[in-house]
């Protein structure tokens, strides 16, 4: 009986120290997410060049479920990103906010006992735009009624989890999203539509907790 007790105690200690991304686990990560658009568009009003869009950093959240020790399903969420929009000659003329929830399937390299788990994934992004408005510079140029259409597109991610212990981990990941939108506005009362792509890279650094 004493031998069995010793074996059981040893197994319990081993299990408590095991690093695992195992089937059925769920974990959440939170940290900084920086959106860096690689924007391009048709010329604005034929003479102002294409739109340019500023970077922005917000709180990023990911929620991951491990279907197997190597296959995970992850949802990316965040607080609203806010960007300044402009053209070369005019400078900033507007601001816009958006949310880009993204769902991907991921392949984790290594096995469930690995302390370091690199992964890749692919899936779909949905981006919704809101609170679009011209600033005083845009209004002075005769621009009004700004709106951006929502977008569906492909998404991909490359990331790395480093497991501190059974419960906590740190993560670094890079996301790419295919985001295309129709920018609609009026110039001197005349309706305009400019096809615009944002196609941002998203850089996220976070800490995670596993359940």
Protein backbone atom coordinates (compact mmCIF):
# COMPACT_ATOMS: atom_id res chain seq x y z
CA UNK A 1 0.00 0.00 0.00
CA UNK A 2 2.84 2.38 0.81
CA UNK A 3 4.38 1.72 -2.63
CA UNK A 4 1.05 2.43 -4.32
CA UNK A 5 0.71 5.66 -2.36
CA UNK A 6 4.19 6.76 -3.39
CA UNK A 7 3.45 6.00 -7.06
CA UNK A 8 0.15 7.87 -6.90
CA UNK A 9 1.85 10.86 -5.30
CA UNK A 10 4.56 10.88 -7.96
CA UNK A 11 2.00 10.71 -10.77
CA UNK A 12 0.04 13.54 -9.20
CA UNK A 13 3.13 15.73 -8.97
CA UNK A 14 4.06 14.92 -12.56
CA UNK A 15 0.57 15.78 -13.77
CA UNK A 16 0.59 19.11 -11.91
CA UNK A 17 3.80 20.13 -13.64
CA UNK A 18 2.80 19.00 -17.13
CA UNK A 19 2.54 21.57 -19.90
CA UNK A 20 -0.36 20.78 -22.19
CA UNK A 21 -2.49 22.06 -25.04
CA UNK A 22 -4.74 19.04 -24.82
CA UNK A 23 -8.04 18.09 -26.43
CA UNK A 24 -10.97 19.78 -24.71
CA UNK A 25 -8.96 22.65 -23.23
CA UNK A 26 -10.16 26.22 -23.50
CA UNK A 27 -8.00 29.29 -23.03
CA UNK A 28 -8.29 33.04 -23.34
CA UNK A 29 -5.55 35.55 -24.15
CA UNK A 30 -5.56 39.33 -23.63
CA UNK A 31 -3.02 41.96 -24.65
CA UNK A 32 -2.15 44.70 -27.12
CA UNK A 33 -3.30 44.40 -30.74
CA UNK A 34 -1.91 46.86 -33.29
CA UNK A 35 -3.60 47.21 -36.68
CA UNK A 36 -1.30 48.41 -39.48
CA UNK A 37 -3.25 48.85 -42.74
CA UNK A 38 -1.52 48.29 -46.08
CA UNK A 39 -4.18 50.44 -47.70
CA UNK A 40 -4.77 51.24 -51.33
CA UNK A 41 -7.65 52.82 -53.19
CA UNK A 42 -8.83 54.46 -56.38
CA UNK A 43 -7.91 58.13 -56.66
CA UNK A 44 -10.14 60.32 -54.54
CA UNK A 45 -12.02 62.83 -56.75
CA UNK A 46 -9.54 62.00 -59.50
CA UNK A 47 -6.79 64.29 -58.18
CA UNK A 48 -6.16 63.73 -54.48
CA UNK A 49 -4.50 60.32 -54.75
CA UNK A 50 -5.53 57.31 -52.70
CA UNK A 51 -6.63 57.20 -49.07
CA UNK A 52 -4.08 56.68 -46.32
CA UNK A 53 -5.08 55.18 -42.98
CA UNK A 54 -3.27 55.47 -39.64
CA UNK A 55 -2.22 52.61 -37.36
CA UNK A 56 -4.07 52.00 -34.10
CA UNK A 57 -3.54 49.88 -30.98
CA UNK A 58 -6.34 48.48 -28.82
CA UNK A 59 -7.03 45.69 -26.32
CA UNK A 60 -7.05 42.38 -28.20
CA UNK A 61 -8.76 39.23 -26.99
CA UNK A 62 -8.62 35.68 -28.32
CA UNK A 63 -10.68 32.68 -27.29
CA UNK A 64 -9.36 29.24 -28.25
CA UNK A 65 -10.81 25.74 -27.99
CA UNK A 66 -8.54 22.74 -28.60
CA UNK A 67 -10.45 20.12 -30.59
CA UNK A 68 -7.39 17.84 -30.43
CA UNK A 69 -3.88 18.37 -29.06
CA UNK A 70 -2.90 19.82 -32.47
CA UNK A 71 -6.10 21.42 -33.81
CA UNK A 72 -7.55 24.58 -32.29
CA UNK A 73 -10.43 26.92 -33.14
CA UNK A 74 -9.76 30.56 -32.31
CA UNK A 75 -11.86 33.73 -32.28
CA UNK A 76 -10.13 37.12 -32.33
CA UNK A 77 -11.96 40.09 -30.83
CA UNK A 78 -10.93 43.58 -29.69
CA UNK A 79 -12.08 46.94 -28.46
CA UNK A 80 -12.96 49.23 -31.42
CA UNK A 81 -10.05 50.40 -33.56
CA UNK A 82 -10.07 54.10 -34.46
CA UNK A 83 -8.21 55.35 -37.54
CA UNK A 84 -7.45 58.73 -39.07
CA UNK A 85 -8.10 58.80 -42.81
CA UNK A 86 -6.58 61.24 -45.26
CA UNK A 87 -5.00 61.83 -48.63
CA UNK A 88 -1.55 63.15 -49.47
CA UNK A 89 -2.51 66.73 -50.39
CA UNK A 90 -5.17 67.24 -47.71
CA UNK A 91 -3.81 65.50 -44.62
CA UNK A 92 -6.33 63.93 -42.25
CA UNK A 93 -9.90 64.54 -43.33
CA UNK A 94 -11.89 61.92 -41.39
CA UNK A 95 -11.98 59.34 -38.61
CA UNK A 96 -13.56 55.90 -38.66
CA UNK A 97 -13.93 53.06 -36.19
CA UNK A 98 -14.18 49.36 -36.91
CA UNK A 99 -14.37 45.92 -35.31
CA UNK A 100 -12.78 42.95 -37.13
CA UNK A 101 -13.93 39.69 -35.45
CA UNK A 102 -11.99 36.83 -37.01
CA UNK A 103 -12.48 33.06 -36.74
CA UNK A 104 -9.69 30.65 -37.71
CA UNK A 105 -8.80 26.98 -37.53
CA UNK A 106 -5.24 26.41 -36.33
CA UNK A 107 -2.60 23.70 -36.44
CA UNK A 108 -0.31 23.55 -33.39
CA UNK A 109 3.11 22.01 -33.94
CA UNK A 110 4.63 19.67 -31.37
CA UNK A 111 2.59 17.63 -28.92
CA UNK A 112 0.49 18.29 -25.84
CA UNK A 113 3.50 18.05 -23.50
CA UNK A 114 5.49 20.75 -25.33
CA UNK A 115 6.24 23.96 -23.44
CA UNK A 116 6.58 25.94 -26.70
CA UNK A 117 3.73 25.62 -29.23
CA UNK A 118 4.11 27.44 -32.58
CA UNK A 119 1.00 27.42 -34.75
CA UNK A 120 -0.49 28.57 -38.05
CA UNK A 121 -4.11 29.12 -38.98
CA UNK A 122 -6.54 30.27 -41.63
CA UNK A 123 -10.15 31.35 -41.60
CA UNK A 124 -12.55 34.22 -42.21
CA UNK A 125 -12.76 37.86 -41.14
CA UNK A 126 -15.82 40.06 -40.84
CA UNK A 127 -15.23 43.80 -40.42
CA UNK A 128 -17.93 46.29 -39.55
CA UNK A 129 -17.34 50.06 -39.75
CA UNK A 130 -19.12 52.71 -37.68
CA UNK A 131 -18.86 56.28 -36.37
CA UNK A 132 -17.49 57.44 -39.74
CA UNK A 133 -17.22 61.22 -39.91
CA UNK A 134 -15.34 63.99 -41.65
CA UNK A 135 -13.36 66.39 -39.48
CA UNK A 136 -13.28 70.17 -39.96
CA UNK A 137 -10.69 69.83 -42.73
CA UNK A 138 -12.90 67.41 -44.65
CA UNK A 139 -15.99 69.55 -44.14
CA UNK A 140 -14.12 72.65 -45.33
CA UNK A 141 -13.33 70.77 -48.54
CA UNK A 142 -17.05 70.25 -49.13
CA UNK A 143 -17.15 66.59 -48.05
CA UNK A 144 -20.07 65.05 -46.15
CA UNK A 145 -22.13 61.87 -45.49
CA UNK A 146 -19.23 59.46 -45.03
CA UNK A 147 -19.97 55.73 -44.81
CA UNK A 148 -17.99 52.49 -45.31
CA UNK A 149 -19.47 49.16 -46.32
CA UNK A 150 -18.85 46.10 -44.14
CA UNK A 151 -16.40 43.49 -45.38
CA UNK A 152 -15.99 39.70 -45.51
CA UNK A 153 -12.59 38.26 -46.36
CA UNK A 154 -9.97 35.61 -45.75
CA UNK A 155 -7.63 35.75 -42.75
CA UNK A 156 -4.46 34.01 -41.62
CA UNK A 157 -2.36 33.87 -38.46
CA UNK A 158 1.09 32.73 -37.32
CA UNK A 159 1.73 32.57 -33.60
CA UNK A 160 3.67 31.13 -30.69
CA UNK A 161 2.56 30.13 -27.20
CA UNK A 162 5.11 29.83 -24.40
CA UNK A 163 3.70 27.95 -21.42
CA UNK A 164 4.82 29.38 -18.08
CA UNK A 165 3.02 26.68 -16.10
CA UNK A 166 -0.12 24.58 -16.43
CA UNK A 167 -2.42 27.62 -16.21
CA UNK A 168 -0.56 30.60 -17.66
CA UNK A 169 1.09 31.33 -21.00
CA UNK A 170 2.44 34.23 -23.01
CA UNK A 171 1.79 34.64 -26.72
CA UNK A 172 2.95 36.53 -29.78
CA UNK A 173 1.02 36.40 -33.05
CA UNK A 174 0.78 38.10 -36.43
CA UNK A 175 -2.53 38.19 -38.31
CA UNK A 176 -3.32 39.17 -41.89
CA UNK A 177 -6.84 40.14 -42.97
CA UNK A 178 -8.34 40.75 -46.41
CA UNK A 179 -10.55 43.82 -45.86
CA UNK A 180 -12.15 45.61 -48.81
CA UNK A 181 -14.75 48.36 -48.49
CA UNK A 182 -16.64 50.90 -50.57
CA UNK A 183 -16.04 54.37 -49.13
CA UNK A 184 -19.10 56.49 -49.91
CA UNK A 185 -19.38 60.24 -49.38
CA UNK A 186 -20.64 63.42 -51.01
CA UNK A 187 -18.33 66.06 -52.52
CA UNK A 188 -20.14 69.33 -53.13
CA UNK A 189 -23.40 67.42 -52.83
CA UNK A 190 -22.42 64.86 -55.52
CA UNK A 191 -22.32 61.19 -54.46
CA UNK A 192 -18.90 59.52 -54.68
CA UNK A 193 -17.77 55.90 -54.18
CA UNK A 194 -14.12 54.90 -53.81
CA UNK A 195 -13.10 51.23 -53.79
CA UNK A 196 -10.64 50.83 -50.93
CA UNK A 197 -8.63 47.95 -49.50
CA UNK A 198 -7.21 48.02 -45.97
CA UNK A 199 -5.65 44.52 -45.82
CA UNK A 200 -4.03 45.11 -42.43
CA UNK A 201 -1.36 43.23 -40.53
CA UNK A 202 -2.30 42.84 -36.87
CA UNK A 203 0.49 42.37 -34.31
CA UNK A 204 -0.61 40.97 -30.95
CA UNK A 205 1.32 40.39 -27.72
CA UNK A 206 -0.67 38.85 -24.90
CA UNK A 207 -0.88 36.76 -21.76
CA UNK A 208 -3.23 33.79 -21.59
CA UNK A 209 -5.01 31.63 -19.02
CA UNK A 210 -6.09 28.04 -19.65
CA UNK A 211 -9.17 26.33 -18.29
